[in-house]
Structure formats: C-alpha cells, structure tokens
C-alpha cells in the first residue's frame, strides 16, 4: 500500500513539474506601440524604378519588363509621383512630361485609401478626369521604401494584362 501511495505522489509531482515547466516557457507579449499611419507612409515623393507588363491570360502569368518605354523617351526620365495632404485634402502630383504611357490620366488630382487603417487600394480622382483605383502590391508604412501598384487592363470586360509599377521613396 505504501508503494502505491508513493507512486501516486511521484505521479503528482511529475505532472506538477511538467505544468510549471510549460508555464515558465510562456513568452511575454510585448507592446510594440500604436500601428503606424498608412496615410503618413504614403505621403512622400516616389520615383518609378520598375514597370512590368503581366499577361493575365497566361497560365504562368508571364511578364515583360517595360523599362525601355521610359528610358527611350526624349528626355530619358522616369515618372515621379508625390502624395501629400494640403489643408486636409489628400493630393497627388505626377510628372508625366514626355512619357509614352501615362497611368494617371492627368498630372494632378486627389487620392484616398479604400480603408485608412488597412488599405488595399488607392483611389485616384484626377483633376478633370475619371476616378480610378490601383490595388496596392504590399504594405505601405513610413518604414517601407517601396510602393507597388497594379494597373489592370480589360478588353470586353475580360482582364487581359496588367502593369506592375514599383516606386522607390525619394
């Protein structure tokens, strides 16, 4: 009988030790502070560094670099885009001078996110143009140095190809 009681006591000690061991391994959750503002993350001047055309009908989504479209223009300039807030109005300015392809219609307008806390698209309203939106290709915070946008092109209601634009924070 004494051996059975000792075995039960040992079993209880082992279970308690395992339980305490698991509790000791629990990681502390550290507060990393308030989430960064996505609006502040976008507000900067951005320079286009890469443009690709993606065949959306291809099974492998083949792509072609479009850098020559911009580097073969007469002044050899890549477009820049600046996002800012002026008197509470979110504005953008794009340098589209001498560009063969203009993704933004007019050089100035207003912008907005679809959701300021968790944006998935930027909504553009060009001055004197038609509103459009471009999906974001990644996060946009003040610490991010790359802005990725996708411009989809439809024909007869079917997605044919898209341009993937990558900008770098200046």
Protein backbone atom coordinates (compact mmCIF):
# COMPACT_ATOMS: atom_id res chain seq x y z
CA UNK A 1 0.00 0.00 0.00
CA UNK A 2 2.86 2.31 0.85
CA UNK A 3 4.39 1.77 -2.61
CA UNK A 4 1.09 2.71 -4.31
CA UNK A 5 0.87 5.97 -2.29
CA UNK A 6 4.48 6.79 -3.15
CA UNK A 7 3.77 6.15 -6.87
CA UNK A 8 0.72 8.44 -6.73
CA UNK A 9 2.79 11.15 -5.01
CA UNK A 10 5.54 10.81 -7.63
CA UNK A 11 2.98 10.98 -10.42
CA UNK A 12 1.51 14.19 -8.93
CA UNK A 13 5.00 15.71 -8.59
CA UNK A 14 5.86 14.86 -12.21
CA UNK A 15 2.58 16.33 -13.52
CA UNK A 16 3.08 19.48 -11.42
CA UNK A 17 6.67 19.82 -12.71
CA UNK A 18 5.55 19.49 -16.32
CA UNK A 19 2.78 22.04 -15.78
CA UNK A 20 5.17 24.50 -14.13
CA UNK A 21 7.67 23.92 -16.96
CA UNK A 22 5.08 24.82 -19.59
CA UNK A 23 4.01 27.91 -17.68
CA UNK A 24 7.65 29.05 -17.39
CA UNK A 25 8.06 28.78 -21.19
CA UNK A 26 5.19 31.12 -21.94
CA UNK A 27 6.53 34.09 -23.89
CA UNK A 28 5.68 37.56 -22.80
CA UNK A 29 3.76 39.61 -25.34
CA UNK A 30 5.49 42.94 -25.70
CA UNK A 31 3.61 46.02 -26.76
CA UNK A 32 5.12 47.35 -29.97
CA UNK A 33 3.20 50.60 -29.79
CA UNK A 34 0.48 52.09 -31.93
CA UNK A 35 0.28 50.93 -35.56
CA UNK A 36 1.95 53.30 -37.98
CA UNK A 37 -0.24 55.54 -40.10
CA UNK A 38 -0.64 54.27 -43.66
CA UNK A 39 -1.54 57.80 -44.77
CA UNK A 40 1.78 59.07 -43.38
CA UNK A 41 3.50 56.10 -45.01
CA UNK A 42 2.26 57.07 -48.47
CA UNK A 43 2.95 60.80 -48.16
CA UNK A 44 6.28 61.24 -49.91
CA UNK A 45 7.77 61.63 -53.36
CA UNK A 46 8.12 58.30 -55.18
CA UNK A 47 10.24 57.52 -58.27
CA UNK A 48 9.26 54.74 -60.66
CA UNK A 49 12.03 52.12 -60.61
CA UNK A 50 10.37 49.21 -62.39
CA UNK A 51 7.44 48.59 -64.71
CA UNK A 52 6.38 45.17 -65.98
CA UNK A 53 3.52 44.06 -68.18
CA UNK A 54 1.92 40.79 -66.98
CA UNK A 55 -0.08 38.56 -69.34
CA UNK A 56 -3.11 37.75 -67.19
CA UNK A 57 -4.40 35.15 -69.69
CA UNK A 58 -1.24 33.07 -69.45
CA UNK A 59 -1.26 30.14 -67.03
CA UNK A 60 2.18 31.15 -65.76
CA UNK A 61 1.46 34.92 -65.67
CA UNK A 62 4.41 35.72 -67.92
CA UNK A 63 5.79 39.24 -67.62
CA UNK A 64 7.91 41.59 -69.67
CA UNK A 65 9.98 44.46 -68.25
CA UNK A 66 8.83 47.77 -69.69
CA UNK A 67 11.82 49.90 -68.68
CA UNK A 68 12.64 50.79 -72.28
CA UNK A 69 9.30 52.56 -72.64
CA UNK A 70 10.52 55.13 -70.14
CA UNK A 71 14.26 55.20 -70.83
CA UNK A 72 13.85 55.64 -74.61
CA UNK A 73 11.76 58.78 -74.33
CA UNK A 74 13.42 62.02 -75.47
CA UNK A 75 14.40 63.26 -72.02
CA UNK A 76 15.16 59.82 -70.51
CA UNK A 77 13.03 60.49 -67.44
CA UNK A 78 11.09 58.15 -65.14
CA UNK A 79 7.81 59.39 -63.71
CA UNK A 80 7.67 60.60 -60.14
CA UNK A 81 4.54 60.79 -58.02
CA UNK A 82 4.10 62.88 -54.90
CA UNK A 83 1.39 62.24 -52.32
CA UNK A 84 0.63 64.94 -49.76
CA UNK A 85 -2.11 66.41 -47.60
CA UNK A 86 -2.78 70.13 -48.07
CA UNK A 87 -5.36 71.81 -45.81
CA UNK A 88 -6.90 68.42 -45.05
CA UNK A 89 -7.19 67.44 -48.74
CA UNK A 90 -5.13 64.50 -49.99
CA UNK A 91 -3.47 65.49 -53.25
CA UNK A 92 -1.13 63.85 -55.71
CA UNK A 93 1.11 65.24 -58.42
CA UNK A 94 2.66 63.11 -61.18
CA UNK A 95 5.46 64.16 -63.50
CA UNK A 96 4.11 62.85 -66.83
CA UNK A 97 6.08 65.14 -69.14
CA UNK A 98 7.33 63.32 -72.26
CA UNK A 99 6.09 59.91 -71.11
CA UNK A 100 4.89 57.45 -73.72
CA UNK A 101 2.48 55.75 -71.27
CA UNK A 102 0.58 57.76 -68.66
CA UNK A 103 -1.01 55.61 -65.95
CA UNK A 104 -2.57 58.54 -64.06
CA UNK A 105 -4.58 60.47 -66.76
CA UNK A 106 -3.84 63.99 -65.51
CA UNK A 107 -0.79 65.23 -63.62
CA UNK A 108 -2.77 66.36 -60.54
CA UNK A 109 -5.72 65.23 -58.51
CA UNK A 110 -6.85 63.89 -55.17
CA UNK A 111 -6.36 60.46 -53.61
CA UNK A 112 -7.78 58.32 -50.85
CA UNK A 113 -7.39 54.83 -49.45
CA UNK A 114 -10.30 52.40 -49.51
CA UNK A 115 -9.59 51.95 -45.77
CA UNK A 116 -7.12 54.19 -43.91
CA UNK A 117 -6.19 51.52 -41.34
CA UNK A 118 -5.92 48.51 -43.68
CA UNK A 119 -5.65 49.87 -47.22
CA UNK A 120 -5.81 47.56 -50.24
CA UNK A 121 -6.25 50.17 -52.97
CA UNK A 122 -5.51 53.83 -53.64
CA UNK A 123 -8.43 55.70 -55.15
CA UNK A 124 -7.40 58.46 -57.58
CA UNK A 125 -9.60 61.33 -58.76
CA UNK A 126 -7.63 63.20 -61.45
CA UNK A 127 -8.46 66.87 -61.96
CA UNK A 128 -10.83 66.89 -64.94
CA UNK A 129 -10.55 63.12 -65.36
CA UNK A 130 -12.34 59.92 -64.44
CA UNK A 131 -11.87 58.37 -60.99
CA UNK A 132 -9.95 55.08 -60.87
CA UNK A 133 -8.22 52.91 -58.30
CA UNK A 134 -4.99 50.95 -58.21
CA UNK A 135 -4.51 47.98 -55.87
CA UNK A 136 -1.52 48.09 -53.52
CA UNK A 137 1.02 45.31 -54.00
CA UNK A 138 2.31 45.39 -50.44
CA UNK A 139 2.24 47.24 -47.15
CA UNK A 140 2.79 50.97 -47.05
CA UNK A 141 4.16 52.35 -43.80
CA UNK A 142 6.62 55.11 -43.01
CA UNK A 143 9.40 52.49 -42.80
CA UNK A 144 8.66 50.98 -46.23
CA UNK A 145 10.79 52.25 -49.09
CA UNK A 146 8.89 50.55 -51.93
CA UNK A 147 5.39 51.28 -53.24
CA UNK A 148 3.87 48.65 -55.55
CA UNK A 149 0.78 49.34 -57.65
CA UNK A 150 -1.06 47.27 -60.26
CA UNK A 151 -2.91 48.79 -63.24
CA UNK A 152 -5.25 46.20 -64.78
CA UNK A 153 -6.30 46.47 -68.43
CA UNK A 154 -9.65 44.99 -69.51
CA UNK A 155 -10.93 44.34 -73.00
CA UNK A 156 -14.59 43.44 -73.46
CA UNK A 157 -14.96 43.03 -69.69
CA UNK A 158 -12.15 40.45 -69.52
CA UNK A 159 -8.82 41.07 -67.77
CA UNK A 160 -6.16 40.80 -70.49
CA UNK A 161 -2.99 42.16 -68.92
CA UNK A 162 -1.78 44.40 -66.15
CA UNK A 163 1.10 46.72 -65.45
CA UNK A 164 3.01 46.26 -62.21
CA UNK A 165 4.57 49.54 -61.12
CA UNK A 166 7.26 49.73 -58.45
CA UNK A 167 8.20 53.07 -56.96
CA UNK A 168 11.00 53.89 -54.54
CA UNK A 169 10.72 56.52 -51.83
CA UNK A 170 12.96 59.52 -52.59
